[in-house]
């Protein structure tokens, strides 16, 4: 704002497009250290986008990759594990 604007108590100009106001309590939690706030916010947003991208890669059930089943093996693994347990219990009773 110019000095004339301040002198006559003019309203401040509207913010530029794509301007974001970050509350002070969130700024304190970002923990950017000596880095400029713009860099810290940029890194935080990129991290959030990456987390969401990785979450979208999971199947519809929301299971992580190590718990997902292969497409062609719907019940085969469950049946083979059930057979092993049955065989082990039979061997323990003998």
Protein backbone atom coordinates (compact mmCIF):
# COMPACT_ATOMS: atom_id res chain seq x y z
CA UNK A 1 0.00 0.00 0.00
CA UNK A 2 1.33 3.43 -0.86
CA UNK A 3 1.93 6.14 1.71
CA UNK A 4 -1.00 8.12 0.32
CA UNK A 5 -3.27 5.18 0.81
CA UNK A 6 -2.15 4.83 4.41
CA UNK A 7 -2.52 8.57 4.94
CA UNK A 8 -6.15 8.61 3.80
CA UNK A 9 -6.99 5.21 5.34
CA UNK A 10 -7.82 3.56 2.06
CA UNK A 11 -8.78 -0.09 2.01
CA UNK A 12 -5.88 -2.40 1.26
CA UNK A 13 -5.78 -3.83 -2.26
CA UNK A 14 -7.30 -7.28 -2.76
CA UNK A 15 -4.86 -10.18 -2.50
CA UNK A 16 -3.27 -11.51 -5.63
CA UNK A 17 -4.82 -14.59 -7.27
CA UNK A 18 -3.78 -17.92 -5.73
CA UNK A 19 -2.85 -16.23 -2.45
CA UNK A 20 -3.25 -18.38 0.66
CA UNK A 21 -3.33 -17.16 4.24
CA UNK A 22 -1.90 -19.71 6.66
CA UNK A 23 -2.92 -19.45 10.32
CA UNK A 24 -0.06 -18.88 12.77
CA UNK A 25 -0.65 -22.16 14.64
CA UNK A 26 -0.16 -24.11 11.40
CA UNK A 27 2.94 -22.13 10.49
CA UNK A 28 4.44 -23.11 13.84
CA UNK A 29 3.71 -26.80 13.18
CA UNK A 30 5.30 -26.83 9.73
CA UNK A 31 8.75 -26.75 11.26
CA UNK A 32 10.70 -25.49 8.29
CA UNK A 33 13.59 -24.25 10.38
CA UNK A 34 15.58 -21.60 8.55
CA UNK A 35 13.95 -22.38 5.19
CA UNK A 36 11.58 -19.77 3.75
CA UNK A 37 7.90 -20.40 4.45
CA UNK A 38 7.18 -20.80 0.74
CA UNK A 39 9.69 -23.67 0.50
CA UNK A 40 8.35 -25.34 3.63
CA UNK A 41 4.73 -25.15 2.44
CA UNK A 42 5.74 -26.38 -1.01
CA UNK A 43 7.52 -29.40 0.50
CA UNK A 44 4.58 -30.15 2.80
CA UNK A 45 2.08 -30.01 -0.07
CA UNK A 46 4.24 -32.20 -2.31
CA UNK A 47 4.56 -34.72 0.53
CA UNK A 48 0.78 -34.77 1.01
CA UNK A 49 0.22 -35.25 -2.73
CA UNK A 50 2.69 -38.16 -2.76
CA UNK A 51 0.98 -39.78 0.23
CA UNK A 52 -2.40 -39.50 -1.49
CA UNK A 53 -0.97 -40.85 -4.77
CA UNK A 54 0.43 -43.88 -2.98
CA UNK A 55 -2.85 -44.41 -1.13
CA UNK A 56 -4.70 -44.32 -4.47
CA UNK A 57 -2.49 -47.16 -5.74
CA UNK A 58 -3.97 -49.48 -3.13
CA UNK A 59 -6.94 -51.58 -4.12
CA UNK A 60 -10.53 -50.63 -3.34
CA UNK A 61 -10.36 -52.32 0.06
CA UNK A 62 -7.58 -49.95 1.10
CA UNK A 63 -5.12 -52.75 1.84
CA UNK A 64 -1.40 -52.08 1.60
CA UNK A 65 0.50 -53.82 -1.18
CA UNK A 66 1.84 -56.59 1.06
CA UNK A 67 -1.68 -57.69 2.03
CA UNK A 68 -3.24 -57.52 -1.42
CA UNK A 69 -4.05 -60.75 -3.24
CA UNK A 70 -3.03 -61.51 -6.75
CA UNK A 71 -5.87 -61.32 -9.28
CA UNK A 72 -5.81 -65.01 -10.22
CA UNK A 73 -5.37 -66.40 -6.72
CA UNK A 74 -8.62 -65.51 -4.98
CA UNK A 75 -9.03 -68.51 -2.73
CA UNK A 76 -6.11 -70.75 -3.60
CA UNK A 77 -3.83 -69.41 -0.87
CA UNK A 78 -6.55 -69.62 1.76
CA UNK A 79 -7.30 -73.22 0.80
CA UNK A 80 -3.63 -74.23 0.85
CA UNK A 81 -3.15 -72.65 4.29
CA UNK A 82 -6.30 -74.35 5.55
CA UNK A 83 -4.97 -77.69 4.25
CA UNK A 84 -1.62 -77.16 6.01
CA UNK A 85 -3.32 -76.39 9.31
CA UNK A 86 -5.50 -79.47 8.97
CA UNK A 87 -2.48 -81.66 8.19
CA UNK A 88 -0.50 -80.23 11.11
CA UNK A 89 -3.37 -80.81 13.55
CA UNK A 90 -3.75 -84.35 12.25
CA UNK A 91 -0.03 -84.96 12.73
CA UNK A 92 -0.17 -83.58 16.30
CA UNK A 93 -3.02 -85.88 17.30
CA UNK A 94 -1.22 -89.00 15.99
